[in-house]
Amino acid sequence: MIRICPSILNANFADLPNEILKVAAVSDLLHLDVMDGVFVPNTTFSFEEARNIIDYSPIPVDAHLMIADADKTALNYLETKVASVTVHFVACVS
């Protein structure tokens, strides 16, 4: 089975709700790249912003955590309605 899971990293953040709806119309999942400026040099969404996107998205969301202490933070995401959480093993402390 093939599933389409585009990232919204290049979306127009000033119009993010409509950008999400456009992607949702032609996709199976929404890929959310979460970067903290520590594990990777870039920053994208805070947990609160990510949770808002997860709650708003009409399709399931895969949260890709490119953050320090990913294993600890992943637990917060599991308390949302996220479909899946992807982490980098080297970003895990335990």
C-alpha atoms as a PDB file:
ATOM      1  CA  MET A   1       0.000   0.000   0.000  1.00  0.00           C
ATOM      2  CA  ILE A   2       1.254   3.471  -0.888  1.00  0.00           C
ATOM      3  CA  ARG A   3       0.329   6.410   1.328  1.00  0.00           C
ATOM      4  CA  ILE A   4       0.980  10.053   0.523  1.00  0.00           C
ATOM      5  CA  CYS A   5       2.395  11.980   3.509  1.00  0.00           C
ATOM      6  CA  PRO A   6       3.631  15.451   2.477  1.00  0.00           C
ATOM      7  CA  SER A   7       5.401  17.834   4.805  1.00  0.00           C
ATOM      8  CA  ILE A   8       3.983  21.294   5.425  1.00  0.00           C
ATOM      9  CA  LEU A   9       7.453  22.712   6.069  1.00  0.00           C
ATOM     10  CA  ASN A  10       7.301  24.860   2.924  1.00  0.00           C
ATOM     11  CA  ALA A  11       3.705  25.951   3.503  1.00  0.00           C
ATOM     12  CA  ASN A  12       2.720  29.590   3.712  1.00  0.00           C
ATOM     13  CA  PHE A  13       2.628  29.904   7.516  1.00  0.00           C
ATOM     14  CA  ALA A  14       0.579  33.102   7.239  1.00  0.00           C
ATOM     15  CA  ASP A  15      -2.206  30.977   5.722  1.00  0.00           C
ATOM     16  CA  LEU A  16      -1.476  27.649   7.418  1.00  0.00           C
ATOM     17  CA  PRO A  17      -5.096  26.523   7.952  1.00  0.00           C
ATOM     18  CA  ASN A  18      -5.840  26.777   4.220  1.00  0.00           C
ATOM     19  CA  GLU A  19      -2.495  25.214   3.320  1.00  0.00           C
ATOM     20  CA  ILE A  20      -3.312  22.234   5.549  1.00  0.00           C
ATOM     21  CA  LEU A  21      -6.721  21.863   3.906  1.00  0.00           C
ATOM     22  CA  LYS A  22      -5.130  21.894   0.436  1.00  0.00           C
ATOM     23  CA  VAL A  23      -2.689  19.157   1.407  1.00  0.00           C
ATOM     24  CA  ALA A  24      -5.400  17.162   3.194  1.00  0.00           C
ATOM     25  CA  ALA A  25      -7.534  17.067   0.053  1.00  0.00           C
ATOM     26  CA  VAL A  26      -4.933  14.998  -1.796  1.00  0.00           C
ATOM     27  CA  SER A  27      -3.018  13.189   0.969  1.00  0.00           C
ATOM     28  CA  ASP A  28      -3.342  10.342   3.433  1.00  0.00           C
ATOM     29  CA  LEU A  29      -1.329  11.881   6.261  1.00  0.00           C
ATOM     30  CA  LEU A  30       0.196  15.228   7.117  1.00  0.00           C
ATOM     31  CA  HIS A  31       3.928  15.179   7.920  1.00  0.00           C
ATOM     32  CA  LEU A  32       4.848  17.673  10.618  1.00  0.00           C
ATOM     33  CA  ASP A  33       8.568  18.437  10.948  1.00  0.00           C
ATOM     34  CA  VAL A  34       9.245  19.635  14.505  1.00  0.00           C
ATOM     35  CA  MET A  35      12.723  21.149  14.973  1.00  0.00           C
ATOM     36  CA  ASP A  36      14.051  22.748  18.154  1.00  0.00           C
ATOM     37  CA  GLY A  37      17.245  24.548  17.114  1.00  0.00           C
ATOM     38  CA  VAL A  38      19.228  22.198  19.376  1.00  0.00           C
ATOM     39  CA  PHE A  39      19.209  18.752  17.747  1.00  0.00           C
ATOM     40  CA  VAL A  40      19.112  20.465  14.352  1.00  0.00           C
ATOM     41  CA  PRO A  41      20.006  24.116  13.700  1.00  0.00           C
ATOM     42  CA  ASN A  42      16.545  25.100  12.443  1.00  0.00           C
ATOM     43  CA  THR A  43      13.378  25.721  14.438  1.00  0.00           C
ATOM     44  CA  THR A  44       9.825  25.142  13.302  1.00  0.00           C
ATOM     45  CA  PHE A  45       6.950  24.425  15.681  1.00  0.00           C
ATOM     46  CA  SER A  46       6.709  24.459  19.456  1.00  0.00           C
ATOM     47  CA  PHE A  47       4.747  21.642  21.074  1.00  0.00           C
ATOM     48  CA  GLU A  48       1.770  23.979  21.485  1.00  0.00           C
ATOM     49  CA  GLU A  49       1.852  24.966  17.808  1.00  0.00           C
ATOM     50  CA  ALA A  50       2.210  21.334  16.768  1.00  0.00           C
ATOM     51  CA  ARG A  51      -0.717  20.316  18.993  1.00  0.00           C
ATOM     52  CA  ASN A  52      -2.876  23.007  17.366  1.00  0.00           C
ATOM     53  CA  ILE A  53      -1.965  21.682  13.907  1.00  0.00           C
ATOM     54  CA  ILE A  54      -2.659  18.096  14.993  1.00  0.00           C
ATOM     55  CA  ASP A  55      -6.046  19.130  16.386  1.00  0.00           C
ATOM     56  CA  TYR A  56      -6.936  21.145  13.272  1.00  0.00           C
ATOM     57  CA  SER A  57      -5.833  18.674  10.611  1.00  0.00           C
ATOM     58  CA  PRO A  58      -8.712  16.753   9.019  1.00  0.00           C
ATOM     59  CA  ILE A  59      -6.298  13.902   8.211  1.00  0.00           C
ATOM     60  CA  PRO A  60      -3.927  11.978  10.520  1.00  0.00           C
ATOM     61  CA  VAL A  61      -0.612  13.624  11.400  1.00  0.00           C
ATOM     62  CA  ASP A  62       2.849  12.073  11.602  1.00  0.00           C
ATOM     63  CA  ALA A  63       4.962  14.190  13.975  1.00  0.00           C
ATOM     64  CA  HIS A  64       8.644  13.968  12.993  1.00  0.00           C
ATOM     65  CA  LEU A  65      10.584  15.090  16.057  1.00  0.00           C
ATOM     66  CA  MET A  66      14.016  16.454  15.196  1.00  0.00           C
ATOM     67  CA  ILE A  67      14.583  17.624  18.752  1.00  0.00           C
ATOM     68  CA  ALA A  68      16.841  16.959  21.714  1.00  0.00           C
ATOM     69  CA  ASP A  69      15.474  14.473  24.281  1.00  0.00           C
ATOM     70  CA  ALA A  70      13.016  13.194  21.690  1.00  0.00           C
ATOM     71  CA  ASP A  71      12.076  10.138  23.739  1.00  0.00           C
ATOM     72  CA  LYS A  72      10.873  12.303  26.627  1.00  0.00           C
ATOM     73  CA  THR A  73       9.006  14.799  24.452  1.00  0.00           C
ATOM     74  CA  ALA A  74       7.408  12.049  22.364  1.00  0.00           C
ATOM     75  CA  LEU A  75       5.270  11.179  25.382  1.00  0.00           C
ATOM     76  CA  ASN A  76       3.600  14.602  25.137  1.00  0.00           C
ATOM     77  CA  TYR A  77       2.726  13.933  21.512  1.00  0.00           C
ATOM     78  CA  LEU A  78       1.251  10.566  22.395  1.00  0.00           C
ATOM     79  CA  GLU A  79      -1.286  12.424  24.548  1.00  0.00           C
ATOM     80  CA  THR A  80      -2.559  14.256  21.446  1.00  0.00           C
ATOM     81  CA  LYS A  81      -4.490  12.704  18.587  1.00  0.00           C
ATOM     82  CA  VAL A  82      -1.316  12.275  16.504  1.00  0.00           C
ATOM     83  CA  ALA A  83      -1.308   9.206  14.262  1.00  0.00           C
ATOM     84  CA  SER A  84       2.407   8.499  14.636  1.00  0.00           C
ATOM     85  CA  VAL A  85       5.596   9.921  16.082  1.00  0.00           C
ATOM     86  CA  THR A  86       8.941   9.573  14.335  1.00  0.00           C
ATOM     87  CA  VAL A  87      12.169  10.216  16.261  1.00  0.00           C
ATOM     88  CA  HIS A  88      15.869   9.952  15.580  1.00  0.00           C
ATOM     89  CA  PHE A  89      17.387   7.300  17.821  1.00  0.00           C
ATOM     90  CA  VAL A  90      20.477   9.429  18.467  1.00  0.00           C
ATOM     91  CA  ALA A  91      18.217  12.155  19.931  1.00  0.00           C
ATOM     92  CA  CYS A  92      16.969   9.829  22.651  1.00  0.00           C
ATOM     93  CA  VAL A  93      18.516   9.901  26.117  1.00  0.00           C
ATOM     94  CA  SER A  94      17.161   6.711  27.625  1.00  0.00           C
END
